[in-house]
């Protein structure tokens, strides 16, 4: 099987949950099978100090 170059994009929740655990497990599994994985991960806690208007302006649509 050929190796795939994989980009995983994920936004973590302020309170860790099942989706965060699944993303971490998938990245580990893919790497274990020899696929190079680049993870781009952001965190909702980054919004903690922003007011609503600034948060809206900084959001990718």
N, C-alpha and C. Protein backbone atom coordinates (compact mmCIF):
# COMPACT_ATOMS: atom_id res chain seq x y z
N UNK A 1 0.84 -1.17 0.00
CA UNK A 1 0.00 0.00 0.00
C UNK A 1 0.89 1.24 0.00
N UNK A 2 0.57 2.21 -0.85
CA UNK A 2 1.38 3.42 -0.91
C UNK A 2 1.04 4.35 0.26
N UNK A 3 2.04 5.12 0.65
CA UNK A 3 1.84 6.07 1.74
C UNK A 3 1.12 7.30 1.22
N UNK A 4 0.20 7.80 2.00
CA UNK A 4 -0.53 9.01 1.66
C UNK A 4 -0.01 10.16 2.53
N UNK A 5 0.10 11.33 1.95
CA UNK A 5 0.39 12.53 2.75
C UNK A 5 -0.96 13.09 3.20
N UNK A 6 -1.12 13.24 4.50
CA UNK A 6 -2.44 13.57 5.05
C UNK A 6 -2.37 14.85 5.87
N UNK A 7 -3.34 15.72 5.65
CA UNK A 7 -3.51 16.92 6.46
C UNK A 7 -4.79 16.76 7.27
N UNK A 8 -4.67 16.84 8.59
CA UNK A 8 -5.83 16.78 9.47
C UNK A 8 -6.05 18.19 10.02
N UNK A 9 -7.24 18.72 9.82
CA UNK A 9 -7.60 20.04 10.32
C UNK A 9 -8.67 19.84 11.39
N UNK A 10 -8.41 20.38 12.58
CA UNK A 10 -9.35 20.17 13.69
C UNK A 10 -9.38 21.40 14.58
N UNK A 11 -10.55 21.70 15.08
CA UNK A 11 -10.74 22.78 16.05
C UNK A 11 -11.19 22.15 17.37
N UNK A 12 -10.34 22.25 18.37
CA UNK A 12 -10.66 21.66 19.67
C UNK A 12 -11.70 22.50 20.40
N UNK A 13 -12.54 21.81 21.17
CA UNK A 13 -13.55 22.48 21.98
C UNK A 13 -12.92 23.04 23.24
N UNK A 14 -13.63 23.98 23.89
CA UNK A 14 -13.12 24.54 25.15
C UNK A 14 -13.05 23.46 26.22
N UNK A 15 -14.01 22.57 26.23
CA UNK A 15 -13.98 21.42 27.13
C UNK A 15 -13.71 20.18 26.29
N UNK A 16 -12.61 19.45 26.56
CA UNK A 16 -12.27 18.29 25.74
C UNK A 16 -13.41 17.28 25.68
N UNK A 17 -13.59 16.71 24.49
CA UNK A 17 -14.67 15.75 24.31
C UNK A 17 -14.25 14.58 23.45
N UNK A 18 -15.23 13.78 23.08
CA UNK A 18 -14.98 12.58 22.30
C UNK A 18 -14.38 12.85 20.94
N UNK A 19 -14.83 13.93 20.29
CA UNK A 19 -14.29 14.24 18.96
C UNK A 19 -12.80 14.52 19.03
N UNK A 20 -12.36 15.23 20.07
CA UNK A 20 -10.94 15.51 20.24
C UNK A 20 -10.15 14.20 20.40
N UNK A 21 -10.67 13.28 21.19
CA UNK A 21 -10.00 11.99 21.40
C UNK A 21 -9.93 11.19 20.11
N UNK A 22 -11.00 11.22 19.32
CA UNK A 22 -11.02 10.48 18.05
C UNK A 22 -9.99 11.04 17.08
N UNK A 23 -9.90 12.35 16.99
CA UNK A 23 -8.92 12.97 16.08
C UNK A 23 -7.51 12.57 16.49
N UNK A 24 -7.20 12.63 17.79
CA UNK A 24 -5.88 12.23 18.26
C UNK A 24 -5.59 10.76 17.93
N UNK A 25 -6.58 9.90 18.13
CA UNK A 25 -6.41 8.47 17.85
C UNK A 25 -6.22 8.21 16.36
N UNK A 26 -6.96 8.92 15.52
CA UNK A 26 -6.82 8.75 14.07
C UNK A 26 -5.44 9.17 13.59
N UNK A 27 -4.95 10.29 14.11
CA UNK A 27 -3.61 10.75 13.73
C UNK A 27 -2.57 9.70 14.12
N UNK A 28 -2.67 9.19 15.35
CA UNK A 28 -1.73 8.17 15.82
C UNK A 28 -1.79 6.92 14.96
N UNK A 29 -2.98 6.47 14.63
CA UNK A 29 -3.15 5.26 13.82
C UNK A 29 -2.55 5.45 12.43
N UNK A 30 -2.83 6.58 11.80
CA UNK A 30 -2.29 6.85 10.47
C UNK A 30 -0.77 6.88 10.49
N UNK A 31 -0.20 7.51 11.50
CA UNK A 31 1.27 7.57 11.61
C UNK A 31 1.85 6.18 11.86
N UNK A 32 1.18 5.39 12.68
CA UNK A 32 1.65 4.03 12.97
C UNK A 32 1.75 3.20 11.70
N UNK A 33 0.86 3.45 10.75
CA UNK A 33 0.87 2.73 9.49
C UNK A 33 1.74 3.40 8.44
N UNK A 34 2.55 4.36 8.86
CA UNK A 34 3.56 4.93 7.98
C UNK A 34 3.16 6.13 7.15
N UNK A 35 1.98 6.66 7.37
CA UNK A 35 1.55 7.83 6.60
C UNK A 35 2.06 9.10 7.27
N UNK A 36 2.68 9.99 6.51
CA UNK A 36 3.07 11.28 7.10
C UNK A 36 1.82 12.14 7.31
N UNK A 37 1.61 12.57 8.54
CA UNK A 37 0.42 13.34 8.89
C UNK A 37 0.84 14.71 9.41
N UNK A 38 0.28 15.74 8.82
CA UNK A 38 0.46 17.10 9.31
C UNK A 38 -0.86 17.50 9.97
N UNK A 39 -0.79 17.93 11.21
CA UNK A 39 -2.00 18.31 11.94
C UNK A 39 -2.04 19.82 12.12
N UNK A 40 -3.12 20.44 11.65
CA UNK A 40 -3.37 21.86 11.88
C UNK A 40 -4.51 21.92 12.87
N UNK A 41 -4.18 22.28 14.11
CA UNK A 41 -5.17 22.24 15.18
C UNK A 41 -5.27 23.62 15.82
N UNK A 42 -6.49 24.10 15.94
CA UNK A 42 -6.77 25.35 16.66
C UNK A 42 -7.61 24.98 17.88
N UNK A 43 -7.79 25.95 18.76
CA UNK A 43 -8.49 25.68 20.00
C UNK A 43 -9.48 26.81 20.28
N UNK A 44 -10.71 26.45 20.61
CA UNK A 44 -11.72 27.47 20.91
C UNK A 44 -11.33 28.35 22.09
N UNK A 45 -10.43 27.90 22.95
CA UNK A 45 -10.00 28.74 24.07
C UNK A 45 -9.28 29.99 23.59
N UNK A 46 -8.80 29.97 22.33
CA UNK A 46 -8.17 31.17 21.77
C UNK A 46 -9.17 32.32 21.69
N UNK A 47 -10.46 32.01 21.64
CA UNK A 47 -11.50 33.03 21.56
C UNK A 47 -11.84 33.63 22.92
N UNK A 48 -11.33 33.06 23.99
CA UNK A 48 -11.71 33.47 25.34
C UNK A 48 -11.56 34.95 25.61
N UNK A 49 -10.51 35.58 25.11
CA UNK A 49 -10.29 36.99 25.38
C UNK A 49 -10.89 37.92 24.35
N UNK A 50 -11.59 37.41 23.37
CA UNK A 50 -12.14 38.24 22.30
C UNK A 50 -13.58 38.62 22.59
N UNK A 51 -13.93 39.83 22.19
CA UNK A 51 -15.35 40.18 22.25
C UNK A 51 -16.04 39.55 21.04
N UNK A 52 -17.34 39.57 21.02
CA UNK A 52 -18.10 38.87 19.97
C UNK A 52 -17.79 39.40 18.58
N UNK A 53 -17.65 40.71 18.43
CA UNK A 53 -17.38 41.28 17.11
C UNK A 53 -16.00 40.88 16.60
N UNK A 54 -15.01 40.92 17.47
CA UNK A 54 -13.66 40.52 17.09
C UNK A 54 -13.61 39.03 16.76
N UNK A 55 -14.29 38.21 17.55
CA UNK A 55 -14.34 36.77 17.27
C UNK A 55 -14.97 36.51 15.91
N UNK A 56 -16.04 37.23 15.60
CA UNK A 56 -16.69 37.09 14.30
C UNK A 56 -15.73 37.44 13.17
N UNK A 57 -14.97 38.52 13.35
CA UNK A 57 -14.04 38.99 12.31
C UNK A 57 -12.89 38.00 12.11
N UNK A 58 -12.50 37.28 13.16
CA UNK A 58 -11.37 36.35 13.09
C UNK A 58 -11.76 34.95 12.63
N UNK A 59 -13.04 34.70 12.45
CA UNK A 59 -13.52 33.37 12.09
C UNK A 59 -13.37 33.13 10.59
N UNK A 60 -12.86 31.96 10.23
CA UNK A 60 -12.75 31.58 8.82
C UNK A 60 -14.11 31.09 8.35
N UNK A 61 -14.56 31.58 7.23
CA UNK A 61 -15.85 31.16 6.68
C UNK A 61 -15.60 30.40 5.45
